[in-house]
Amino acid sequence: SAVRRDNSADAEGEAAEKQEEGEGYEGPEVLLRRWQGVLAKHPKFAVTEEVLFAKVPILKIRFDERLDIDLSCQNSQALQNTRLLKGYADMHPRVRELGIAVKTWAKAAEVCGASKRHLSSYTFALLTIYFLQVSSDVQMPYLPTACFEPGGQGEADERVKAARGSFRCEWSTADLLVRFFEFYTFNFAWGQEVASIRVGSRHHAQEPVFELLRGRWHRRVHVEDPYLLDRNLHCVLGEEEEVHLRMA
């Protein structure tokens, strides 16, 4: 096994050198097209949509006509985002249940899907967590984003353990869903407030904590990426689609 680890490390080093020299490097869209050919031969996988020329190219896949999957390549940034979302989902079963309910509603209302100029399902997950953090009825504790970065301890971090141990949720999923809609319809300062799970409390876009956030002066919905602090996730949202979202 030691030899296998050494060979693997050598291979990774050679691949990195080739990538730097431009030799043998294939972009994510090329790799995804290869995967598309492989998946097409499998009876339980179906490619439902290609989004190959986005900032992060993906294949949208359905497994066994039940499970929707987004497949990306060479996107290590997504790993810490995934760990962070899992950290929140593990806080309480209601967090995961509400996230699924919101995503199901967004798809049914046709307000979800970056390829169609709507907010992504990832953005809806952030909006769900932000609501749970700032709602006076819930007040879910904030988790430090650094815990889930490379080298962080993740859910083994004492701060994460303490937050999980202190959180109680007495509301049903249905109650939380109603409050989610009420919050974004009547309480959220659309165009001024930033939904930021990194901060975990309510602040306006003009405040110094969001000085890197692109488009913060525009009267649009603002959702901060918790790791790419200059990325405003409204960047994919069309103006007509934003009107549709507010009316949904």
Protein backbone atom coordinates (compact mmCIF):
# COMPACT_ATOMS: atom_id res chain seq x y z
CA SER A 1 0.00 0.00 0.00
CA ALA A 2 2.95 2.33 0.63
CA VAL A 3 4.12 1.80 -2.94
CA ARG A 4 0.62 2.55 -4.22
CA ARG A 5 0.52 5.84 -2.30
CA ASP A 6 3.95 6.85 -3.64
CA ASN A 7 2.98 6.01 -7.21
CA SER A 8 -0.23 7.98 -6.81
CA ALA A 9 1.67 11.00 -5.55
CA ASP A 10 4.11 10.74 -8.48
CA ALA A 11 1.23 10.54 -10.92
CA GLU A 12 -0.43 13.58 -9.39
CA GLY A 13 2.82 15.50 -9.61
CA GLU A 14 3.31 14.55 -13.26
CA ALA A 15 -0.28 15.55 -14.05
CA ALA A 16 0.23 18.92 -12.38
CA GLU A 17 3.43 19.52 -14.37
CA LYS A 18 1.68 18.62 -17.61
CA GLN A 19 -1.18 20.94 -16.76
CA GLU A 20 1.26 23.80 -16.14
CA GLU A 21 2.98 23.09 -19.45
CA GLY A 22 -0.32 22.71 -21.27
CA GLU A 23 0.40 19.07 -22.13
CA GLY A 24 -2.37 16.53 -21.99
CA TYR A 25 -4.67 18.92 -20.16
CA GLU A 26 -8.35 18.56 -20.87
CA GLY A 27 -10.84 21.13 -19.65
CA PRO A 28 -13.87 20.16 -17.58
CA GLU A 29 -16.24 20.49 -20.54
CA VAL A 30 -14.19 17.89 -22.47
CA LEU A 31 -14.16 15.51 -19.52
CA LEU A 32 -17.90 15.95 -19.01
CA ARG A 33 -18.56 15.07 -22.65
CA ARG A 34 -16.58 11.88 -22.11
CA TRP A 35 -18.64 11.09 -19.02
CA GLN A 36 -21.78 11.79 -21.00
CA GLY A 37 -20.83 9.04 -23.43
CA VAL A 38 -20.16 6.62 -20.57
CA LEU A 39 -23.40 7.42 -18.78
CA ALA A 40 -25.44 7.08 -21.97
CA LYS A 41 -24.56 3.36 -21.98
CA HIS A 42 -25.87 2.84 -18.45
CA PRO A 43 -29.57 1.94 -18.24
CA LYS A 44 -30.20 3.78 -14.96
CA PHE A 45 -28.58 7.12 -15.85
CA ALA A 46 -30.05 9.81 -18.07
CA VAL A 47 -28.46 13.17 -18.90
CA THR A 48 -31.25 15.73 -18.53
CA GLU A 49 -29.29 18.90 -19.34
CA GLU A 50 -25.82 20.05 -20.44
CA VAL A 51 -24.43 23.25 -18.94
CA LEU A 52 -20.95 23.01 -20.40
CA PHE A 53 -19.97 26.63 -20.90
CA ALA A 54 -20.91 28.09 -17.53
CA LYS A 55 -18.29 29.27 -15.04
CA VAL A 56 -18.53 25.80 -13.51
CA PRO A 57 -19.56 23.38 -16.30
CA ILE A 58 -21.91 20.61 -15.19
CA LEU A 59 -23.98 17.74 -16.49
CA LYS A 60 -27.41 17.40 -14.93
CA ILE A 61 -28.12 13.71 -14.49
CA ARG A 62 -31.07 11.68 -13.27
CA PHE A 63 -30.43 8.29 -11.69
CA ASP A 64 -33.10 5.62 -11.79
CA GLU A 65 -35.71 8.27 -12.71
CA ARG A 66 -35.67 9.48 -9.10
CA LEU A 67 -32.42 11.15 -8.04
CA ASP A 68 -31.16 14.38 -9.67
CA ILE A 69 -27.38 14.87 -9.68
CA ASP A 70 -25.10 17.72 -10.80
CA LEU A 71 -21.79 16.33 -12.09
CA SER A 72 -18.79 18.65 -12.35
CA CYS A 73 -15.05 18.13 -12.88
CA GLN A 74 -11.95 19.93 -11.60
CA ASN A 75 -14.07 21.93 -9.18
CA SER A 76 -12.37 21.53 -5.81
CA GLN A 77 -14.03 24.75 -4.62
CA ALA A 78 -17.31 22.85 -4.41
CA LEU A 79 -15.95 20.49 -1.74
CA GLN A 80 -15.78 23.06 1.04
CA ASN A 81 -19.20 24.41 0.05
CA THR A 82 -20.60 20.89 0.23
CA ARG A 83 -19.01 20.29 3.65
CA LEU A 84 -20.42 23.56 4.92
CA LEU A 85 -23.95 22.75 3.73
CA LYS A 86 -23.68 19.29 5.27
CA GLY A 87 -22.56 20.86 8.54
CA TYR A 88 -25.77 22.88 8.63
CA ALA A 89 -27.93 19.96 7.46
CA ASP A 90 -26.60 17.88 10.35
CA MET A 91 -27.59 20.55 12.89
CA HIS A 92 -31.16 19.24 13.03
CA PRO A 93 -33.42 17.11 10.76
CA ARG A 94 -35.64 20.17 10.15
CA VAL A 95 -32.78 21.95 8.38
CA ARG A 96 -32.47 19.24 5.76
CA GLU A 97 -36.24 18.84 5.45
CA LEU A 98 -36.79 22.56 4.93
CA GLY A 99 -34.02 22.67 2.34
CA ILE A 100 -35.68 19.87 0.37
CA ALA A 101 -39.10 21.55 0.66
CA VAL A 102 -37.76 24.89 -0.62
CA LYS A 103 -35.92 23.25 -3.51
CA THR A 104 -39.03 21.23 -4.45
CA TRP A 105 -41.14 24.42 -4.42
CA ALA A 106 -38.57 26.35 -6.47
CA LYS A 107 -38.51 23.67 -9.17
CA ALA A 108 -42.31 23.40 -9.25
CA ALA A 109 -42.64 27.20 -9.46
CA GLU A 110 -40.03 27.25 -12.24
CA VAL A 111 -37.80 29.76 -10.46
CA CYS A 112 -34.76 27.48 -10.11
CA GLY A 113 -31.98 26.78 -12.60
CA ALA A 114 -29.00 28.97 -13.46
CA SER A 115 -29.01 27.80 -17.09
CA LYS A 116 -32.47 29.35 -17.43
CA ARG A 117 -31.43 32.67 -15.81
CA HIS A 118 -32.89 31.70 -12.42
CA LEU A 119 -31.14 31.27 -9.08
CA SER A 120 -29.38 27.94 -8.66
CA SER A 121 -30.48 25.25 -6.22
CA TYR A 122 -27.28 26.02 -4.27
CA THR A 123 -28.43 29.62 -3.86
CA PHE A 124 -31.80 28.46 -2.57
CA ALA A 125 -29.95 26.31 -0.01
CA LEU A 126 -28.07 29.41 1.17
CA LEU A 127 -31.32 31.40 1.36
CA THR A 128 -32.83 28.63 3.47
CA ILE A 129 -29.90 28.58 5.91
CA TYR A 130 -29.84 32.37 6.14
CA PHE A 131 -33.53 32.44 7.04
CA LEU A 132 -32.96 29.87 9.79
CA GLN A 133 -30.03 31.90 11.16
CA VAL A 134 -31.77 35.28 11.34
CA SER A 135 -35.37 34.27 12.06
CA SER A 136 -36.29 35.29 15.60
CA ASP A 137 -38.41 32.12 15.80
CA VAL A 138 -35.49 29.81 15.01
CA GLN A 139 -32.08 31.47 15.55
CA MET A 140 -29.94 28.64 14.25
CA PRO A 141 -26.32 29.17 15.33
CA TYR A 142 -23.73 30.33 12.82
CA LEU A 143 -20.95 27.91 11.80
CA PRO A 144 -17.52 29.44 11.03
CA THR A 145 -16.80 28.88 7.35
CA ALA A 146 -13.10 28.34 8.10
CA CYS A 147 -13.97 25.06 9.84
CA PHE A 148 -14.86 23.53 6.47
CA GLU A 149 -11.97 24.87 4.40
CA PRO A 150 -9.05 22.57 3.46
CA GLY A 151 -7.18 21.80 6.66
CA GLY A 152 -10.18 22.64 8.83
CA GLN A 153 -11.60 20.11 11.26
CA GLY A 154 -15.11 20.30 9.84
CA GLU A 155 -17.76 18.82 12.06
CA ALA A 156 -15.09 17.72 14.53
CA ASP A 157 -14.31 21.37 15.32
CA GLU A 158 -15.31 22.27 18.87
CA ARG A 159 -17.18 25.38 17.66
CA VAL A 160 -19.32 23.25 15.35
CA LYS A 161 -19.97 20.71 18.10
CA ALA A 162 -20.99 23.47 20.52
CA ALA A 163 -23.35 25.03 17.97
CA ARG A 164 -24.99 21.70 17.24
CA GLY A 165 -25.37 20.89 20.92
CA SER A 166 -27.06 24.21 21.67
CA PHE A 167 -29.58 24.24 18.82
CA ARG A 168 -33.19 23.22 19.35
CA CYS A 169 -36.01 23.55 16.84
CA GLU A 170 -39.59 23.20 18.00
CA TRP A 171 -41.24 24.05 14.68
CA SER A 172 -42.51 21.52 12.14
CA THR A 173 -41.20 21.58 8.57
CA ALA A 174 -44.55 22.97 7.39
CA ASP A 175 -44.38 25.79 9.95
CA LEU A 176 -40.84 26.63 8.90
CA LEU A 177 -41.79 26.67 5.22
CA VAL A 178 -44.60 29.15 5.92
CA ARG A 179 -42.19 31.36 7.88
CA PHE A 180 -39.61 31.09 5.08
CA PHE A 181 -42.10 32.54 2.60
CA GLU A 182 -43.23 35.20 5.08
CA PHE A 183 -39.65 36.27 5.72
CA TYR A 184 -38.68 36.75 2.08
CA THR A 185 -42.04 38.33 1.20
CA PHE A 186 -42.41 40.81 4.07
CA ASN A 187 -39.22 41.07 6.14
CA PHE A 188 -36.21 40.63 3.90
CA ALA A 189 -34.95 44.01 2.59
CA TRP A 190 -34.85 43.03 -1.08
CA GLY A 191 -32.17 45.01 -2.90
CA GLN A 192 -30.55 46.24 0.32
CA GLU A 193 -29.96 43.26 2.62
CA VAL A 194 -27.40 40.56 1.87
CA ALA A 195 -28.24 36.92 2.58
CA SER A 196 -24.89 35.82 3.98
CA ILE A 197 -24.49 32.61 5.94
CA ARG A 198 -20.83 33.58 6.43
CA VAL A 199 -21.95 36.50 8.62
CA GLY A 200 -25.13 34.87 9.93
CA SER A 201 -26.85 38.13 10.89
CA ARG A 202 -28.73 40.88 9.07
CA HIS A 203 -26.70 43.59 7.32
CA HIS A 204 -27.12 45.93 4.38
CA ALA A 205 -25.06 45.60 1.20
CA GLN A 206 -23.38 48.99 1.78
CA GLU A 207 -21.71 47.86 5.00
CA PRO A 208 -17.92 47.26 5.03
CA VAL A 209 -18.33 43.54 5.68
CA PHE A 210 -19.48 43.24 2.04
CA GLU A 211 -16.94 45.59 0.48
CA LEU A 212 -15.77 42.88 -1.95
CA LEU A 213 -19.27 41.88 -3.10
CA ARG A 214 -19.83 42.69 -6.76
CA GLY A 215 -23.08 44.43 -7.71
CA ARG A 216 -23.89 45.37 -4.12
CA TRP A 217 -25.08 48.84 -5.15
CA HIS A 218 -27.71 47.43 -7.53
CA ARG A 219 -31.30 47.05 -6.37
CA ARG A 220 -31.24 43.28 -6.85
CA VAL A 221 -31.52 40.34 -4.50
CA HIS A 222 -28.08 39.89 -2.89
CA VAL A 223 -26.79 36.44 -1.91
CA GLU A 224 -23.12 36.14 -0.96
CA ASP A 225 -21.06 33.04 -1.75
CA PRO A 226 -19.63 32.10 1.68
CA TYR A 227 -16.14 31.47 0.26
CA LEU A 228 -15.85 33.61 -2.87
CA LEU A 229 -16.67 36.87 -1.14
CA ASP A 230 -16.75 38.91 -4.35
CA ARG A 231 -19.34 36.61 -5.91
CA ASN A 232 -22.91 37.82 -5.73
CA LEU A 233 -25.07 34.84 -6.65
CA HIS A 234 -27.66 37.06 -8.31
CA CYS A 235 -25.20 37.21 -11.24
CA VAL A 236 -27.11 34.49 -13.12
CA LEU A 237 -30.56 35.96 -12.43
CA GLY A 238 -32.31 37.77 -15.28
CA GLU A 239 -34.39 40.85 -14.52
CA GLU A 240 -37.64 39.28 -15.72
CA GLU A 241 -36.80 36.10 -13.85
CA GLU A 242 -36.27 38.11 -10.66
CA VAL A 243 -39.75 39.61 -11.04
CA HIS A 244 -41.10 36.09 -11.50
CA LEU A 245 -39.28 34.98 -8.36
CA ARG A 246 -40.77 37.76 -6.25
CA MET A 247 -44.26 36.94 -7.47
CA ALA A 248 -43.94 33.15 -7.10
